């Protein structure tokens, strides 16, 4: 992410003519606890659902414009950029 974010910002600024600032945050359950702990805490739920609910397959990227999460913005045009 450290290498990708400057490249992303460069191209976004080019496309938007530097009209707004953007950011990316890497979200992971592993920031909260170790993998074995997460698996142990969620084993019952995972068995019921028949899939693993915590882990790197659930990691996500949160894109923001002007420090506001794109997921929370009601700007459909902005969402399409991502």
Protein backbone atom coordinates (compact mmCIF):
# COMPACT_ATOMS: atom_id res chain seq x y z
CA UNK A 1 0.00 0.00 0.00
CA UNK A 2 2.88 2.36 0.74
CA UNK A 3 3.99 2.12 -2.88
CA UNK A 4 0.51 2.08 -4.40
CA UNK A 5 -1.02 5.11 -2.66
CA UNK A 6 1.31 7.73 -4.24
CA UNK A 7 0.69 6.24 -7.70
CA UNK A 8 -3.06 6.21 -7.09
CA UNK A 9 -2.98 9.84 -5.89
CA UNK A 10 -0.92 10.91 -8.90
CA UNK A 11 -3.36 9.45 -11.42
CA UNK A 12 -6.45 10.57 -9.55
CA UNK A 13 -5.09 14.12 -9.39
CA UNK A 14 -4.41 13.98 -13.12
CA UNK A 15 -7.96 12.80 -13.87
CA UNK A 16 -9.62 15.26 -11.49
CA UNK A 17 -7.35 18.23 -12.30
CA UNK A 18 -6.35 18.40 -8.61
CA UNK A 19 -9.87 19.49 -7.61
CA UNK A 20 -10.15 17.19 -4.60
CA UNK A 21 -7.92 15.10 -2.38
CA UNK A 22 -8.33 11.35 -2.13
CA UNK A 23 -7.10 8.65 0.17
CA UNK A 24 -7.07 4.90 0.63
CA UNK A 25 -7.14 2.99 3.90
CA UNK A 26 -6.47 -0.73 4.10
CA UNK A 27 -8.98 -2.37 6.45
CA UNK A 28 -8.22 -5.78 7.94
CA UNK A 29 -9.52 -7.88 10.81
CA UNK A 30 -5.88 -8.67 11.50
CA UNK A 31 -5.45 -5.10 12.78
CA UNK A 32 -7.77 -6.11 15.65
CA UNK A 33 -6.30 -9.48 16.66
CA UNK A 34 -4.16 -12.38 15.52
CA UNK A 35 -5.64 -14.78 12.97
CA UNK A 36 -5.83 -17.75 15.36
CA UNK A 37 -7.66 -15.60 17.91
CA UNK A 38 -10.17 -14.41 15.30
CA UNK A 39 -10.81 -17.96 14.12
CA UNK A 40 -11.29 -19.22 17.67
CA UNK A 41 -13.66 -16.37 18.57
CA UNK A 42 -15.82 -16.95 15.49
CA UNK A 43 -15.80 -20.75 15.17
CA UNK A 44 -19.45 -21.26 16.18
CA UNK A 45 -20.73 -18.58 13.83
CA UNK A 46 -18.51 -19.89 11.02
CA UNK A 47 -19.79 -23.44 11.47
CA UNK A 48 -23.40 -22.26 11.33
CA UNK A 49 -22.79 -20.11 8.25
CA UNK A 50 -20.51 -22.75 6.68
CA UNK A 51 -17.85 -20.20 5.76
CA UNK A 52 -15.11 -18.26 7.52
CA UNK A 53 -16.24 -14.77 8.50
CA UNK A 54 -12.87 -13.34 9.53
CA UNK A 55 -9.54 -13.31 7.74
CA UNK A 56 -7.63 -11.75 4.88
CA UNK A 57 -10.34 -12.74 2.38
CA UNK A 58 -12.51 -10.16 4.14
CA UNK A 59 -9.93 -7.35 3.92
CA UNK A 60 -11.12 -4.22 2.16
CA UNK A 61 -9.98 -0.86 0.85
CA UNK A 62 -11.78 2.27 2.01
CA UNK A 63 -11.54 5.04 -0.58
CA UNK A 64 -12.12 8.60 0.60
CA UNK A 65 -12.64 11.95 -1.08
CA UNK A 66 -11.93 15.06 0.96
CA UNK A 67 -11.60 12.80 4.05
CA UNK A 68 -15.11 11.33 3.59
CA UNK A 69 -15.56 7.64 2.86
CA UNK A 70 -16.84 7.01 -0.66
CA UNK A 71 -19.06 4.26 0.75
CA UNK A 72 -20.90 6.90 2.77
CA UNK A 73 -21.06 9.55 0.04
CA UNK A 74 -24.19 9.85 -2.03
CA UNK A 75 -22.28 10.90 -5.14
CA UNK A 76 -22.84 8.16 -7.69
CA UNK A 77 -20.32 9.70 -10.05
CA UNK A 78 -17.62 9.48 -7.38
CA UNK A 79 -18.43 5.85 -6.67
CA UNK A 80 -18.06 5.01 -10.35
CA UNK A 81 -14.50 6.32 -10.33
CA UNK A 82 -13.61 3.53 -7.92
